[in-house]
N, C-alpha and C. Protein backbone atom coordinates (compact mmCIF):
# COMPACT_ATOMS: atom_id res chain seq x y z
N MET A 1 0.85 -1.15 0.00
CA MET A 1 0.00 0.00 0.00
C MET A 1 0.89 1.20 0.00
N GLY A 2 0.87 1.92 -0.94
CA GLY A 2 1.78 2.98 -1.29
C GLY A 2 2.32 3.77 -0.13
N GLY A 3 3.54 4.17 -0.26
CA GLY A 3 4.19 4.97 0.76
C GLY A 3 3.74 6.42 0.71
N MET A 4 3.02 6.78 -0.30
CA MET A 4 2.59 8.16 -0.43
C MET A 4 1.13 8.30 -0.01
N GLN A 5 0.89 9.19 0.93
CA GLN A 5 -0.49 9.46 1.33
C GLN A 5 -0.92 10.77 0.69
N SER A 6 -2.19 10.81 0.33
CA SER A 6 -2.66 12.06 -0.27
C SER A 6 -2.78 13.13 0.81
N ALA A 7 -2.44 14.33 0.43
CA ALA A 7 -2.52 15.44 1.39
C ALA A 7 -3.98 15.74 1.68
N LYS A 8 -4.27 15.91 2.96
CA LYS A 8 -5.64 16.27 3.35
C LYS A 8 -5.87 17.73 3.03
N ARG A 9 -7.06 18.00 2.62
CA ARG A 9 -7.42 19.39 2.34
C ARG A 9 -7.52 20.12 3.68
N GLN A 10 -6.83 21.25 3.78
CA GLN A 10 -6.84 22.01 5.02
C GLN A 10 -7.93 23.07 4.98
N HIS A 11 -8.56 23.27 6.10
CA HIS A 11 -9.60 24.28 6.24
C HIS A 11 -9.10 25.32 7.21
N GLY A 12 -9.48 26.55 6.96
CA GLY A 12 -9.07 27.61 7.88
C GLY A 12 -9.13 28.96 7.20
N LEU A 13 -8.57 29.91 7.85
CA LEU A 13 -8.61 31.28 7.39
C LEU A 13 -7.32 31.60 6.65
N THR A 14 -7.46 32.09 5.44
CA THR A 14 -6.28 32.49 4.69
C THR A 14 -5.79 33.84 5.21
N ILE A 15 -4.62 34.24 4.81
CA ILE A 15 -4.09 35.53 5.24
C ILE A 15 -4.97 36.66 4.75
N THR A 16 -5.51 36.52 3.54
CA THR A 16 -6.41 37.54 3.00
C THR A 16 -7.69 37.61 3.83
N GLY A 17 -8.23 36.47 4.16
CA GLY A 17 -9.43 36.42 5.00
C GLY A 17 -9.18 37.01 6.37
N PHE A 18 -8.02 36.69 6.94
CA PHE A 18 -7.66 37.22 8.25
C PHE A 18 -7.55 38.74 8.22
N LEU A 19 -6.89 39.28 7.19
CA LEU A 19 -6.74 40.73 7.07
C LEU A 19 -8.09 41.41 6.90
N PHE A 20 -8.99 40.80 6.13
CA PHE A 20 -10.32 41.36 5.95
C PHE A 20 -11.08 41.40 7.27
N VAL A 21 -11.08 40.29 8.00
CA VAL A 21 -11.77 40.22 9.29
C VAL A 21 -11.15 41.22 10.27
N ALA A 22 -9.83 41.32 10.29
CA ALA A 22 -9.16 42.27 11.19
C ALA A 22 -9.54 43.71 10.85
N ALA A 23 -9.61 44.04 9.56
CA ALA A 23 -9.98 45.40 9.15
C ALA A 23 -11.40 45.72 9.58
N VAL A 24 -12.32 44.78 9.40
CA VAL A 24 -13.72 45.00 9.80
C VAL A 24 -13.82 45.21 11.31
N VAL A 25 -13.12 44.40 12.07
CA VAL A 25 -13.15 44.52 13.54
C VAL A 25 -12.55 45.85 13.98
N ILE A 26 -11.45 46.26 13.39
CA ILE A 26 -10.80 47.53 13.75
C ILE A 26 -11.70 48.72 13.41
N ILE A 27 -12.31 48.70 12.24
CA ILE A 27 -13.21 49.80 11.85
C ILE A 27 -14.41 49.86 12.78
N ALA A 28 -14.99 48.72 13.10
CA ALA A 28 -16.14 48.69 14.02
C ALA A 28 -15.75 49.22 15.40
N ALA A 29 -14.56 48.86 15.87
CA ALA A 29 -14.09 49.34 17.18
C ALA A 29 -13.87 50.86 17.15
N LEU A 30 -13.26 51.37 16.10
CA LEU A 30 -13.02 52.81 16.00
C LEU A 30 -14.33 53.60 15.95
N VAL A 31 -15.29 53.12 15.19
CA VAL A 31 -16.59 53.80 15.11
C VAL A 31 -17.27 53.76 16.48
N SER A 32 -17.23 52.62 17.14
CA SER A 32 -17.84 52.50 18.46
C SER A 32 -17.20 53.44 19.46
N PHE A 33 -15.88 53.52 19.46
CA PHE A 33 -15.19 54.40 20.40
C PHE A 33 -15.51 55.87 20.13
N ARG A 34 -15.75 56.22 18.88
CA ARG A 34 -16.10 57.61 18.56
C ARG A 34 -17.54 57.93 19.00
N MET A 35 -18.42 56.92 19.03
CA MET A 35 -19.82 57.13 19.36
C MET A 35 -20.10 57.12 20.86
N ILE A 36 -19.27 56.48 21.64
CA ILE A 36 -19.51 56.34 23.08
C ILE A 36 -19.71 57.70 23.77
N PRO A 37 -18.85 58.71 23.56
CA PRO A 37 -19.07 60.00 24.25
C PRO A 37 -20.41 60.65 23.89
N ALA A 38 -20.88 60.48 22.67
CA ALA A 38 -22.17 61.06 22.28
C ALA A 38 -23.31 60.41 23.05
N TYR A 39 -23.23 59.11 23.27
CA TYR A 39 -24.28 58.43 24.03
C TYR A 39 -24.19 58.75 25.51
N ILE A 40 -22.99 58.94 26.03
CA ILE A 40 -22.85 59.38 27.42
C ILE A 40 -23.48 60.76 27.58
N GLU A 41 -23.27 61.64 26.60
CA GLU A 41 -23.88 62.96 26.63
C GLU A 41 -25.40 62.86 26.58
N TYR A 42 -25.93 61.95 25.77
CA TYR A 42 -27.38 61.75 25.69
C TYR A 42 -27.94 61.39 27.06
N TYR A 43 -27.31 60.45 27.75
CA TYR A 43 -27.81 60.05 29.06
C TYR A 43 -27.66 61.18 30.08
N SER A 44 -26.66 62.03 29.93
CA SER A 44 -26.53 63.20 30.80
C SER A 44 -27.67 64.19 30.57
N VAL A 45 -28.04 64.40 29.33
CA VAL A 45 -29.16 65.30 29.02
C VAL A 45 -30.46 64.73 29.57
N LYS A 46 -30.67 63.44 29.36
CA LYS A 46 -31.89 62.80 29.87
C LYS A 46 -31.96 62.91 31.39
N LYS A 47 -30.84 62.68 32.05
CA LYS A 47 -30.78 62.79 33.51
C LYS A 47 -31.04 64.23 33.95
N ALA A 48 -30.52 65.21 33.21
CA ALA A 48 -30.74 66.62 33.55
C ALA A 48 -32.22 66.98 33.42
N LEU A 49 -32.87 66.51 32.38
CA LEU A 49 -34.30 66.79 32.21
C LEU A 49 -35.12 66.18 33.34
N GLU A 50 -34.83 64.92 33.66
CA GLU A 50 -35.58 64.24 34.72
C GLU A 50 -35.34 64.91 36.06
N GLY A 51 -34.08 65.25 36.35
CA GLY A 51 -33.75 65.90 37.61
C GLY A 51 -34.39 67.27 37.73
N ALA A 52 -34.41 68.02 36.64
CA ALA A 52 -35.01 69.36 36.67
C ALA A 52 -36.50 69.28 36.94
N LEU A 53 -37.17 68.32 36.35
CA LEU A 53 -38.61 68.17 36.60
C LEU A 53 -38.89 67.72 38.02
N ASN A 54 -38.05 66.86 38.56
CA ASN A 54 -38.25 66.37 39.92
C ASN A 54 -37.96 67.43 40.97
N ASP A 55 -37.01 68.34 40.69
CA ASP A 55 -36.60 69.34 41.68
C ASP A 55 -37.34 70.66 41.57
N ALA A 56 -37.98 70.91 40.45
CA ALA A 56 -38.64 72.21 40.25
C ALA A 56 -39.81 72.35 41.21
N ARG A 57 -39.91 73.54 41.84
CA ARG A 57 -40.98 73.76 42.82
C ARG A 57 -42.31 74.08 42.13
N ASP A 58 -42.31 75.06 41.26
CA ASP A 58 -43.58 75.46 40.65
C ASP A 58 -43.73 74.97 39.21
N LEU A 59 -42.74 74.28 38.70
CA LEU A 59 -42.76 73.71 37.36
C LEU A 59 -43.03 74.74 36.26
N SER A 60 -42.59 75.96 36.47
CA SER A 60 -42.70 76.95 35.40
C SER A 60 -41.62 76.65 34.36
N PRO A 61 -41.89 76.92 33.09
CA PRO A 61 -40.89 76.66 32.06
C PRO A 61 -39.55 77.35 32.33
N ALA A 62 -39.58 78.58 32.84
CA ALA A 62 -38.33 79.30 33.11
C ALA A 62 -37.53 78.61 34.21
N GLU A 63 -38.21 78.16 35.27
CA GLU A 63 -37.51 77.49 36.36
C GLU A 63 -36.94 76.14 35.89
N ILE A 64 -37.70 75.44 35.10
CA ILE A 64 -37.22 74.15 34.59
C ILE A 64 -35.99 74.37 33.71
N ARG A 65 -36.02 75.36 32.85
CA ARG A 65 -34.87 75.64 31.98
C ARG A 65 -33.64 76.04 32.79
N ARG A 66 -33.83 76.84 33.84
CA ARG A 66 -32.68 77.22 34.69
C ARG A 66 -32.08 75.98 35.35
N SER A 67 -32.93 75.11 35.84
CA SER A 67 -32.44 73.88 36.47
C SER A 67 -31.72 72.99 35.46
N VAL A 68 -32.28 72.89 34.26
CA VAL A 68 -31.62 72.10 33.21
C VAL A 68 -30.27 72.71 32.88
N GLU A 69 -30.21 74.04 32.75
CA GLU A 69 -28.95 74.73 32.43
C GLU A 69 -27.86 74.41 33.46
N ARG A 70 -28.22 74.49 34.74
CA ARG A 70 -27.24 74.17 35.80
C ARG A 70 -26.75 72.73 35.68
N ARG A 71 -27.67 71.82 35.46
CA ARG A 71 -27.30 70.41 35.38
C ARG A 71 -26.45 70.11 34.15
N LEU A 72 -26.76 70.74 33.03
CA LEU A 72 -25.97 70.54 31.83
C LEU A 72 -24.56 71.10 32.00
N ASN A 73 -24.43 72.23 32.69
CA ASN A 73 -23.11 72.80 32.95
C ASN A 73 -22.28 71.90 33.85
N VAL A 74 -22.91 71.31 34.86
CA VAL A 74 -22.19 70.41 35.77
C VAL A 74 -21.67 69.19 35.02
N ASP A 75 -22.47 68.69 34.07
CA ASP A 75 -22.08 67.49 33.32
C ASP A 75 -21.26 67.80 32.07
N TYR A 76 -20.90 69.06 31.86
CA TYR A 76 -20.09 69.49 30.71
C TYR A 76 -20.72 69.11 29.38
N VAL A 77 -22.03 69.27 29.29
CA VAL A 77 -22.74 69.00 28.03
C VAL A 77 -22.68 70.26 27.18
N ASP A 78 -22.19 70.14 25.96
CA ASP A 78 -22.08 71.32 25.10
C ASP A 78 -22.97 71.25 23.85
N SER A 79 -23.64 70.15 23.63
CA SER A 79 -24.49 70.01 22.44
C SER A 79 -25.89 70.57 22.64
N VAL A 80 -26.31 70.70 23.89
CA VAL A 80 -27.66 71.15 24.20
C VAL A 80 -27.59 72.32 25.17
N ARG A 81 -28.40 73.35 24.89
CA ARG A 81 -28.52 74.48 25.81
C ARG A 81 -29.93 74.48 26.38
N ALA A 82 -30.11 75.16 27.48
CA ALA A 82 -31.44 75.22 28.10
C ALA A 82 -32.46 75.82 27.15
N SER A 83 -32.03 76.73 26.30
CA SER A 83 -32.97 77.34 25.35
C SER A 83 -33.46 76.33 24.31
N ASP A 84 -32.77 75.21 24.17
CA ASP A 84 -33.19 74.16 23.24
C ASP A 84 -34.28 73.26 23.83
N VAL A 85 -34.53 73.39 25.13
CA VAL A 85 -35.50 72.53 25.81
C VAL A 85 -36.90 73.10 25.65
N GLU A 86 -37.80 72.27 25.18
CA GLU A 86 -39.21 72.66 25.03
C GLU A 86 -39.99 72.10 26.21
N VAL A 87 -40.63 72.99 26.96
CA VAL A 87 -41.42 72.59 28.13
C VAL A 87 -42.89 72.77 27.79
N THR A 88 -43.66 71.69 27.96
CA THR A 88 -45.10 71.75 27.68
C THR A 88 -45.88 71.23 28.87
N LYS A 89 -47.06 71.80 29.08
CA LYS A 89 -47.95 71.35 30.14
C LYS A 89 -49.23 70.83 29.50
N SER A 90 -49.66 69.66 29.96
CA SER A 90 -50.90 69.07 29.48
C SER A 90 -51.63 68.51 30.70
N GLY A 91 -52.60 69.24 31.20
CA GLY A 91 -53.29 68.82 32.42
C GLY A 91 -52.34 68.93 33.60
N ASN A 92 -52.15 67.83 34.30
CA ASN A 92 -51.22 67.80 35.44
C ASN A 92 -49.83 67.32 35.04
N THR A 93 -49.62 67.06 33.78
CA THR A 93 -48.34 66.52 33.31
C THR A 93 -47.50 67.61 32.67
N VAL A 94 -46.26 67.70 33.11
CA VAL A 94 -45.29 68.63 32.51
C VAL A 94 -44.25 67.79 31.80
N THR A 95 -43.95 68.14 30.56
CA THR A 95 -42.98 67.40 29.76
C THR A 95 -41.88 68.35 29.31
N ALA A 96 -40.65 67.91 29.46
CA ALA A 96 -39.49 68.64 28.95
C ALA A 96 -38.85 67.76 27.89
N ALA A 97 -38.59 68.33 26.73
CA ALA A 97 -38.04 67.54 25.63
C ALA A 97 -37.07 68.38 24.81
N THR A 98 -36.13 67.72 24.21
CA THR A 98 -35.19 68.38 23.31
C THR A 98 -34.69 67.37 22.28
N THR A 99 -34.33 67.88 21.14
CA THR A 99 -33.73 67.04 20.09
C THR A 99 -32.46 67.73 19.62
N TRP A 100 -31.49 66.94 19.21
CA TRP A 100 -30.26 67.49 18.66
C TRP A 100 -29.56 66.41 17.86
N GLU A 101 -28.61 66.83 17.08
CA GLU A 101 -27.81 65.86 16.33
C GLU A 101 -26.34 66.12 16.60
N LYS A 102 -25.60 65.06 16.54
CA LYS A 102 -24.16 65.11 16.77
C LYS A 102 -23.49 64.58 15.51
N ARG A 103 -22.59 65.35 14.96
CA ARG A 103 -21.86 64.96 13.75
C ARG A 103 -20.45 64.53 14.17
N LEU A 104 -20.10 63.29 13.86
CA LEU A 104 -18.79 62.74 14.21
C LEU A 104 -17.96 62.58 12.95
N HIS A 105 -16.91 63.36 12.84
CA HIS A 105 -16.02 63.26 11.68
C HIS A 105 -15.19 61.99 11.82
N MET A 106 -15.17 61.18 10.79
CA MET A 106 -14.40 59.94 10.83
C MET A 106 -13.08 60.10 10.10
N VAL A 107 -13.13 60.20 8.78
CA VAL A 107 -11.91 60.36 7.99
C VAL A 107 -12.29 61.00 6.66
N GLY A 108 -11.47 61.90 6.19
CA GLY A 108 -11.74 62.54 4.91
C GLY A 108 -13.09 63.24 4.93
N ASN A 109 -13.94 62.90 3.98
CA ASN A 109 -15.27 63.51 3.94
C ASN A 109 -16.34 62.57 4.49
N VAL A 110 -15.94 61.62 5.31
CA VAL A 110 -16.87 60.66 5.90
C VAL A 110 -17.20 61.08 7.33
N SER A 111 -18.48 61.24 7.60
CA SER A 111 -18.95 61.59 8.93
C SER A 111 -20.12 60.70 9.29
N ILE A 112 -20.37 60.59 10.58
CA ILE A 112 -21.54 59.87 11.08
C ILE A 112 -22.41 60.90 11.77
N ILE A 113 -23.70 60.91 11.46
CA ILE A 113 -24.63 61.82 12.10
C ILE A 113 -25.52 61.01 13.04
N LEU A 114 -25.51 61.37 14.31
CA LEU A 114 -26.35 60.73 15.30
C LEU A 114 -27.46 61.70 15.68
N GLU A 115 -28.69 61.25 15.66
CA GLU A 115 -29.83 62.08 16.04
C GLU A 115 -30.36 61.60 17.39
N PHE A 116 -30.52 62.55 18.32
CA PHE A 116 -30.97 62.22 19.66
C PHE A 116 -32.26 62.96 19.99
N GLU A 117 -33.07 62.33 20.83
CA GLU A 117 -34.28 62.95 21.36
C GLU A 117 -34.41 62.51 22.81
N ALA A 118 -34.38 63.47 23.72
CA ALA A 118 -34.51 63.17 25.14
C ALA A 118 -35.80 63.81 25.65
N THR A 119 -36.55 63.04 26.43
CA THR A 119 -37.83 63.50 26.96
C THR A 119 -37.98 63.04 28.40
N ALA A 120 -38.56 63.89 29.22
CA ALA A 120 -38.89 63.52 30.60
C ALA A 120 -40.23 64.14 30.94
N SER A 121 -41.02 63.42 31.74
CA SER A 121 -42.35 63.91 32.13
C SER A 121 -42.54 63.76 33.63
N ARG A 122 -43.42 64.64 34.14
CA ARG A 122 -43.78 64.55 35.56
C ARG A 122 -45.21 65.00 35.72
């Protein structure tokens, strides 16, 4: 029975496949790392709106905006100003809401636009 054995077909990732997978993983990680601060800012804005509604004594729009302004300054939020907050009253419910977008420059003429909407009610 012959001294020569046929070579088994090998399965696995080629160098080209490995480089492609590595590039996709690196790009996904870079995009994610660029987006994390924007989402942290979103949660800071949401927390500021909720805190302002909970702490406001008379729930007037001016008082709510002042409270939001203080909270946004403490959290170093620069994408939203108190003047961007819309305060509405409907019956016994007061709602504070704002929308904004964050543009993240990636490379060259490629950017990612994130649209946020934060709302709180009391």
